[in-house]
PDB file of N, CA and C in Angstrom:
ATOM      1  N   MET A   1      10.043  -0.532   1.873  1.00  0.00           N
ATOM      2  CA  MET A   1       9.768   0.010   3.175  1.00  0.00           C
ATOM      3  C   MET A   1       8.444   0.779   3.104  1.00  0.00           C
ATOM      4  N   PRO A   2       7.537   0.515   4.036  1.00  0.00           N
ATOM      5  CA  PRO A   2       6.245   1.198   4.017  1.00  0.00           C
ATOM      6  C   PRO A   2       6.352   2.680   4.383  1.00  0.00           C
ATOM      7  N   THR A   3       5.419   3.460   3.868  1.00  0.00           N
ATOM      8  CA  THR A   3       5.312   4.867   4.212  1.00  0.00           C
ATOM      9  C   THR A   3       4.146   5.034   5.172  1.00  0.00           C
ATOM     10  N   TYR A   4       4.399   5.684   6.302  1.00  0.00           N
ATOM     11  CA  TYR A   4       3.368   5.912   7.312  1.00  0.00           C
ATOM     12  C   TYR A   4       3.038   7.393   7.372  1.00  0.00           C
ATOM     13  N   ALA A   5       1.757   7.703   7.568  1.00  0.00           N
ATOM     14  CA  ALA A   5       1.311   9.089   7.729  1.00  0.00           C
ATOM     15  C   ALA A   5       1.131   9.362   9.216  1.00  0.00           C
ATOM     16  N   TYR A   6       1.558  10.539   9.636  1.00  0.00           N
ATOM     17  CA  TYR A   6       1.445  10.957  11.025  1.00  0.00           C
ATOM     18  C   TYR A   6       0.745  12.304  11.090  1.00  0.00           C
ATOM     19  N   GLY A   7       0.046  12.541  12.199  1.00  0.00           N
ATOM     20  CA  GLY A   7      -0.585  13.822  12.451  1.00  0.00           C
ATOM     21  C   GLY A   7      -0.323  14.240  13.885  1.00  0.00           C
ATOM     22  N   CYS A   8      -0.100  15.530  14.085  1.00  0.00           N
ATOM     23  CA  CYS A   8       0.143  16.060  15.421  1.00  0.00           C
ATOM     24  C   CYS A   8      -1.181  16.500  16.030  1.00  0.00           C
ATOM     25  N   ARG A   9      -1.470  16.008  17.220  1.00  0.00           N
ATOM     26  CA  ARG A   9      -2.705  16.393  17.910  1.00  0.00           C
ATOM     27  C   ARG A   9      -2.617  17.815  18.449  1.00  0.00           C
ATOM     28  N   GLN A  10      -1.409  18.320  18.678  1.00  0.00           N
ATOM     29  CA  GLN A  10      -1.222  19.650  19.273  1.00  0.00           C
ATOM     30  C   GLN A  10      -1.343  20.762  18.230  1.00  0.00           C
ATOM     31  N   CYS A  11      -0.556  20.687  17.155  1.00  0.00           N
ATOM     32  CA  CYS A  11      -0.524  21.792  16.182  1.00  0.00           C
ATOM     33  C   CYS A  11      -1.204  21.460  14.857  1.00  0.00           C
ATOM     34  N   GLY A  12      -1.558  20.180  14.636  1.00  0.00           N
ATOM     35  CA  GLY A  12      -2.242  19.795  13.404  1.00  0.00           C
ATOM     36  C   GLY A  12      -1.323  19.517  12.229  1.00  0.00           C
ATOM     37  N   ALA A  13      -0.022  19.566  12.426  1.00  0.00           N
ATOM     38  CA  ALA A  13       0.924  19.295  11.337  1.00  0.00           C
ATOM     39  C   ALA A  13       0.799  17.838  10.899  1.00  0.00           C
ATOM     40  N   GLU A  14       1.040  17.598   9.606  1.00  0.00           N
ATOM     41  CA  GLU A  14       1.001  16.243   9.055  1.00  0.00           C
ATOM     42  C   GLU A  14       2.309  15.957   8.351  1.00  0.00           C
ATOM     43  N   LEU A  15       2.761  14.709   8.427  1.00  0.00           N
ATOM     44  CA  LEU A  15       3.987  14.310   7.753  1.00  0.00           C
ATOM     45  C   LEU A  15       3.909  12.839   7.386  1.00  0.00           C
ATOM     46  N   GLU A  16       4.774  12.448   6.474  1.00  0.00           N
ATOM     47  CA  GLU A  16       4.904  11.049   6.088  1.00  0.00           C
ATOM     48  C   GLU A  16       6.334  10.619   6.355  1.00  0.00           C
ATOM     49  N   ALA A  17       6.497   9.373   6.776  1.00  0.00           N
ATOM     50  CA  ALA A  17       7.831   8.852   7.072  1.00  0.00           C
ATOM     51  C   ALA A  17       7.942   7.420   6.560  1.00  0.00           C
ATOM     52  N   LYS A  18       9.059   7.112   5.917  1.00  0.00           N
ATOM     53  CA  LYS A  18       9.333   5.741   5.500  1.00  0.00           C
ATOM     54  C   LYS A  18      10.014   5.042   6.661  1.00  0.00           C
ATOM     55  N   GLN A  19       9.395   3.965   7.130  1.00  0.00           N
ATOM     56  CA  GLN A  19       9.928   3.235   8.270  1.00  0.00           C
ATOM     57  C   GLN A  19       9.778   1.744   8.044  1.00  0.00           C
ATOM     58  N   ARG A  20      10.627   0.991   8.711  1.00  0.00           N
ATOM     59  CA  ARG A  20      10.465  -0.457   8.728  1.00  0.00           C
ATOM     60  C   ARG A  20       9.247  -0.796   9.571  1.00  0.00           C
ATOM     61  N   ILE A  21       8.665  -1.936   9.317  1.00  0.00           N
ATOM     62  CA  ILE A  21       7.507  -2.379  10.078  1.00  0.00           C
ATOM     63  C   ILE A  21       7.875  -2.559  11.549  1.00  0.00           C
ATOM     64  N   THR A  22       9.102  -2.947  11.806  1.00  0.00           N
ATOM     65  CA  THR A  22       9.548  -3.192  13.180  1.00  0.00           C
ATOM     66  C   THR A  22       9.962  -1.926  13.926  1.00  0.00           C
ATOM     67  N   ASP A  23      10.075  -0.777  13.221  1.00  0.00           N
ATOM     68  CA  ASP A  23      10.464   0.475  13.881  1.00  0.00           C
ATOM     69  C   ASP A  23       9.344   0.972  14.786  1.00  0.00           C
ATOM     70  N   ALA A  24       9.732   1.605  15.873  1.00  0.00           N
ATOM     71  CA  ALA A  24       8.748   2.210  16.784  1.00  0.00           C
ATOM     72  C   ALA A  24       8.115   3.433  16.106  1.00  0.00           C
ATOM     73  N   PRO A  25       6.841   3.694  16.353  1.00  0.00           N
ATOM     74  CA  PRO A  25       6.189   4.878  15.771  1.00  0.00           C
ATOM     75  C   PRO A  25       6.854   6.171  16.244  1.00  0.00           C
ATOM     76  N   LEU A  26       6.844   7.186  15.382  1.00  0.00           N
ATOM     77  CA  LEU A  26       7.373   8.492  15.756  1.00  0.00           C
ATOM     78  C   LEU A  26       6.443   9.135  16.781  1.00  0.00           C
ATOM     79  N   THR A  27       6.992   9.928  17.684  1.00  0.00           N
ATOM     80  CA  THR A  27       6.169  10.575  18.704  1.00  0.00           C
ATOM     81  C   THR A  27       6.385  12.089  18.758  1.00  0.00           C
ATOM     82  N   ARG A  28       7.571  12.576  18.391  1.00  0.00           N
ATOM     83  CA  ARG A  28       7.873  14.016  18.496  1.00  0.00           C
ATOM     84  C   ARG A  28       7.556  14.718  17.176  1.00  0.00           C
ATOM     85  N   CYS A  29       6.745  15.767  17.269  1.00  0.00           N
ATOM     86  CA  CYS A  29       6.380  16.576  16.106  1.00  0.00           C
ATOM     87  C   CYS A  29       7.559  17.466  15.711  1.00  0.00           C
ATOM     88  N   GLU A  30       7.879  17.495  14.423  1.00  0.00           N
ATOM     89  CA  GLU A  30       8.982  18.324  13.935  1.00  0.00           C
ATOM     90  C   GLU A  30       8.620  19.807  13.948  1.00  0.00           C
ATOM     91  N   SER A  31       7.327  20.115  13.853  1.00  0.00           N
ATOM     92  CA  SER A  31       6.894  21.518  13.797  1.00  0.00           C
ATOM     93  C   SER A  31       6.872  22.189  15.164  1.00  0.00           C
ATOM     94  N   CYS A  32       6.193  21.564  16.134  1.00  0.00           N
ATOM     95  CA  CYS A  32       6.035  22.208  17.439  1.00  0.00           C
ATOM     96  C   CYS A  32       6.894  21.579  18.538  1.00  0.00           C
ATOM     97  N   GLY A  33       7.487  20.409  18.295  1.00  0.00           N
ATOM     98  CA  GLY A  33       8.345  19.758  19.268  1.00  0.00           C
ATOM     99  C   GLY A  33       7.606  18.977  20.341  1.00  0.00           C
ATOM    100  N   ASP A  34       6.283  18.965  20.291  1.00  0.00           N
ATOM    101  CA  ASP A  34       5.491  18.258  21.295  1.00  0.00           C
ATOM    102  C   ASP A  34       5.496  16.751  21.018  1.00  0.00           C
ATOM    103  N   GLU A  35       5.298  15.970  22.045  1.00  0.00           N
ATOM    104  CA  GLU A  35       5.261  14.501  21.937  1.00  0.00           C
ATOM    105  C   GLU A  35       3.832  14.034  21.648  1.00  0.00           C
ATOM    106  N   SER A  36       3.209  14.570  20.602  1.00  0.00           N
ATOM    107  CA  SER A  36       1.803  14.261  20.354  1.00  0.00           C
ATOM    108  C   SER A  36       1.529  13.757  18.938  1.00  0.00           C
ATOM    109  N   LEU A  37       2.528  13.167  18.294  1.00  0.00           N
ATOM    110  CA  LEU A  37       2.303  12.582  16.970  1.00  0.00           C
ATOM    111  C   LEU A  37       1.563  11.261  17.113  1.00  0.00           C
ATOM    112  N   GLU A  38       0.653  11.019  16.184  1.00  0.00           N
ATOM    113  CA  GLU A  38      -0.017   9.720  16.141  1.00  0.00           C
ATOM    114  C   GLU A  38      -0.053   9.238  14.693  1.00  0.00           C
ATOM    115  N   ARG A  39       0.100   7.943  14.540  1.00  0.00           N
ATOM    116  CA  ARG A  39       0.104   7.336  13.215  1.00  0.00           C
ATOM    117  C   ARG A  39      -1.329   7.291  12.692  1.00  0.00           C
ATOM    118  N   LYS A  40      -1.501   7.699  11.433  1.00  0.00           N
ATOM    119  CA  LYS A  40      -2.821   7.707  10.817  1.00  0.00           C
ATOM    120  C   LYS A  40      -2.962   6.518   9.882  1.00  0.00           C
ATOM    121  N   LEU A  41      -4.186   6.088   9.704  1.00  0.00           N
ATOM    122  CA  LEU A  41      -4.486   5.051   8.723  1.00  0.00           C
ATOM    123  C   LEU A  41      -4.931   5.727   7.437  1.00  0.00           C
ATOM    124  N   PHE A  42      -4.470   5.228   6.309  1.00  0.00           N
ATOM    125  CA  PHE A  42      -4.910   5.773   5.036  1.00  0.00           C
ATOM    126  C   PHE A  42      -4.875   4.677   3.988  1.00  0.00           C
ATOM    127  N   ALA A  43      -5.713   4.833   2.981  1.00  0.00           N
ATOM    128  CA  ALA A  43      -5.791   3.851   1.894  1.00  0.00           C
ATOM    129  C   ALA A  43      -4.584   4.024   0.979  1.00  0.00           C
ATOM    130  N   THR A  44      -4.038   2.927   0.543  1.00  0.00           N
ATOM    131  CA  THR A  44      -2.891   2.982  -0.357  1.00  0.00           C
ATOM    132  C   THR A  44      -3.319   2.580  -1.753  1.00  0.00           C
ATOM    133  N   GLY A  45      -2.643   3.100  -2.724  1.00  0.00           N
ATOM    134  CA  GLY A  45      -2.879   2.699  -4.108  1.00  0.00           C
ATOM    135  C   GLY A  45      -1.960   1.542  -4.444  1.00  0.00           C
ATOM    136  N   PHE A  46      -2.541   0.405  -4.758  1.00  0.00           N
ATOM    137  CA  PHE A  46      -1.740  -0.777  -5.074  1.00  0.00           C
ATOM    138  C   PHE A  46      -2.186  -1.295  -6.419  1.00  0.00           C
ATOM    139  N   VAL A  47      -1.335  -1.186  -7.420  1.00  0.00           N
ATOM    140  CA  VAL A  47      -1.676  -1.610  -8.772  1.00  0.00           C
ATOM    141  C   VAL A  47      -0.582  -2.538  -9.277  1.00  0.00           C
ATOM    142  N   LEU A  48      -0.989  -3.695  -9.758  1.00  0.00           N
ATOM    143  CA  LEU A  48      -0.040  -4.623 -10.369  1.00  0.00           C
ATOM    144  C   LEU A  48       0.013  -4.322 -11.852  1.00  0.00           C
ATOM    145  N   LYS A  49       1.201  -4.076 -12.374  1.00  0.00           N
ATOM    146  CA  LYS A  49       1.355  -3.753 -13.784  1.00  0.00           C
ATOM    147  C   LYS A  49       2.182  -4.830 -14.459  1.00  0.00           C
ATOM    148  N   GLY A  50       1.963  -4.980 -15.739  1.00  0.00           N
ATOM    149  CA  GLY A  50       2.716  -5.953 -16.507  1.00  0.00           C
ATOM    150  C   GLY A  50       1.875  -7.173 -16.837  1.00  0.00           C
ATOM    151  N   GLY A  51       2.409  -8.043 -17.639  1.00  0.00           N
ATOM    152  CA  GLY A  51       1.690  -9.232 -18.048  1.00  0.00           C
ATOM    153  C   GLY A  51       1.569 -10.250 -16.931  1.00  0.00           C
ATOM    154  N   GLY A  52       0.504 -11.033 -16.969  1.00  0.00           N
ATOM    155  CA  GLY A  52       0.337 -12.106 -16.009  1.00  0.00           C
ATOM    156  C   GLY A  52      -0.472 -11.754 -14.788  1.00  0.00           C
ATOM    157  N   TRP A  53      -0.938 -10.520 -14.659  1.00  0.00           N
ATOM    158  CA  TRP A  53      -1.719 -10.118 -13.499  1.00  0.00           C
ATOM    159  C   TRP A  53      -3.139  -9.775 -13.940  1.00  0.00           C
ATOM    160  N   TYR A  54      -4.097 -10.173 -13.166  1.00  0.00           N
ATOM    161  CA  TYR A  54      -5.487  -9.839 -13.418  1.00  0.00           C
ATOM    162  C   TYR A  54      -5.994  -8.971 -12.278  1.00  0.00           C
ATOM    163  N   ALA A  55      -6.755  -7.931 -12.600  1.00  0.00           N
ATOM    164  CA  ALA A  55      -7.222  -6.991 -11.589  1.00  0.00           C
ATOM    165  C   ALA A  55      -8.084  -7.664 -10.530  1.00  0.00           C
ATOM    166  N   ASP A  56      -8.894  -8.641 -10.932  1.00  0.00           N
ATOM    167  CA  ASP A  56      -9.778  -9.300  -9.968  1.00  0.00           C
ATOM    168  C   ASP A  56      -9.241 -10.652  -9.500  1.00  0.00           C
ATOM    169  N   GLY A  57      -8.060 -11.045  -9.956  1.00  0.00           N
ATOM    170  CA  GLY A  57      -7.469 -12.299  -9.514  1.00  0.00           C
ATOM    171  C   GLY A  57      -7.866 -13.499 -10.360  1.00  0.00           C
ATOM    172  N   TYR A  58      -8.747 -13.290 -11.342  1.00  0.00           N
ATOM    173  CA  TYR A  58      -9.208 -14.381 -12.186  1.00  0.00           C
ATOM    174  C   TYR A  58      -9.060 -13.995 -13.651  1.00  0.00           C
ATOM    175  N   ALA A  59      -8.762 -14.971 -14.472  1.00  0.00           N
ATOM    176  CA  ALA A  59      -8.668 -14.738 -15.909  1.00  0.00           C
ATOM    177  C   ALA A  59     -10.070 -14.557 -16.474  1.00  0.00           C
ATOM    178  N   SER A  60     -10.169 -13.734 -17.508  1.00  0.00           N
ATOM    179  CA  SER A  60     -11.469 -13.581 -18.157  1.00  0.00           C
ATOM    180  C   SER A  60     -11.770 -14.849 -18.954  1.00  0.00           C
ATOM    181  N   LYS A  61     -13.021 -15.049 -19.302  1.00  0.00           N
ATOM    182  CA  LYS A  61     -13.406 -16.244 -20.054  1.00  0.00           C
ATOM    183  C   LYS A  61     -12.677 -16.284 -21.393  1.00  0.00           C
ATOM    184  N   ARG A  62     -12.502 -15.125 -22.023  1.00  0.00           N
ATOM    185  CA  ARG A  62     -11.809 -15.062 -23.299  1.00  0.00           C
ATOM    186  C   ARG A  62     -10.367 -15.538 -23.142  1.00  0.00           C
ATOM    187  N   ASP A  63      -9.680 -15.089 -22.092  1.00  0.00           N
ATOM    188  CA  ASP A  63      -8.283 -15.478 -21.876  1.00  0.00           C
ATOM    189  C   ASP A  63      -8.158 -16.958 -21.538  1.00  0.00           C
ATOM    190  N   SER A  64      -9.057 -17.473 -20.704  1.00  0.00           N
ATOM    191  CA  SER A  64      -8.956 -18.876 -20.325  1.00  0.00           C
ATOM    192  C   SER A  64      -9.326 -19.794 -21.491  1.00  0.00           C
ATOM    193  N   ALA A  65     -10.248 -19.347 -22.360  1.00  0.00           N
ATOM    194  CA  ALA A  65     -10.630 -20.150 -23.526  1.00  0.00           C
ATOM    195  C   ALA A  65      -9.468 -20.245 -24.508  1.00  0.00           C
ATOM    196  N   SER A  66      -8.751 -19.151 -24.705  1.00  0.00           N
ATOM    197  CA  SER A  66      -7.621 -19.178 -25.639  1.00  0.00           C
ATOM    198  C   SER A  66      -6.469 -20.004 -25.068  1.00  0.00           C
ATOM    199  N   ALA A  67      -6.340 -20.050 -23.755  1.00  0.00           N
ATOM    200  CA  ALA A  67      -5.285 -20.856 -23.129  1.00  0.00           C
ATOM    201  C   ALA A  67      -5.594 -22.342 -23.307  1.00  0.00           C
ATOM    202  N   HIS A  68      -6.874 -22.711 -23.191  1.00  0.00           N
ATOM    203  CA  HIS A  68      -7.247 -24.110 -23.352  1.00  0.00           C
ATOM    204  C   HIS A  68      -7.224 -24.538 -24.818  1.00  0.00           C
ATOM    205  N   ALA A  69      -7.394 -23.623 -25.755  1.00  0.00           N
ATOM    206  CA  ALA A  69      -7.423 -23.942 -27.188  1.00  0.00           C
ATOM    207  C   ALA A  69      -6.063 -24.471 -27.650  1.00  0.00           C
ATOM    208  N   GLY A  70      -4.989 -23.982 -27.063  1.00  0.00           N
ATOM    209  CA  GLY A  70      -3.662 -24.405 -27.461  1.00  0.00           C
ATOM    210  C   GLY A  70      -3.197 -25.676 -26.778  1.00  0.00           C
ATOM    211  N   ALA A  71      -3.950 -26.162 -25.809  1.00  0.00           N
ATOM    212  CA  ALA A  71      -3.544 -27.369 -25.061  1.00  0.00           C
ATOM    213  C   ALA A  71      -3.820 -28.618 -25.892  1.00  0.00           C
ATOM    214  N   LYS A  72      -2.954 -29.599 -25.765  1.00  0.00           N
ATOM    215  CA  LYS A  72      -3.134 -30.856 -26.478  1.00  0.00           C
ATOM    216  C   LYS A  72      -4.147 -31.716 -25.740  1.00  0.00           C
ATOM    217  N   GLN A  73      -4.972 -32.378 -26.518  1.00  0.00           N
ATOM    218  CA  GLN A  73      -5.935 -33.303 -25.926  1.00  0.00           C
ATOM    219  C   GLN A  73      -5.368 -34.694 -25.985  1.00  0.00           C
ATOM    220  N   VAL A  74      -5.574 -35.494 -24.968  1.00  0.00           N
ATOM    221  CA  VAL A  74      -5.049 -36.859 -24.915  1.00  0.00           C
ATOM    222  C   VAL A  74      -6.140 -37.838 -25.197  1.00  0.00           C
TER     223      VAL A  74
END
């Protein structure tokens, strides 16, 4: 479930909420009770960990050369 950041235009309070993509955005501020919350955009940290993932989406020349070295030639 994605985490969304919200900010209140009235009092300046900020909060984060885990919501489904299909859920309606929150509108009521928990701090001041006003209907002035707006969803903020922010950069997320997305890191793939473990074997089999490459940071740039491509294997390095060293990795691809070693993969081809073990292949049988016909």
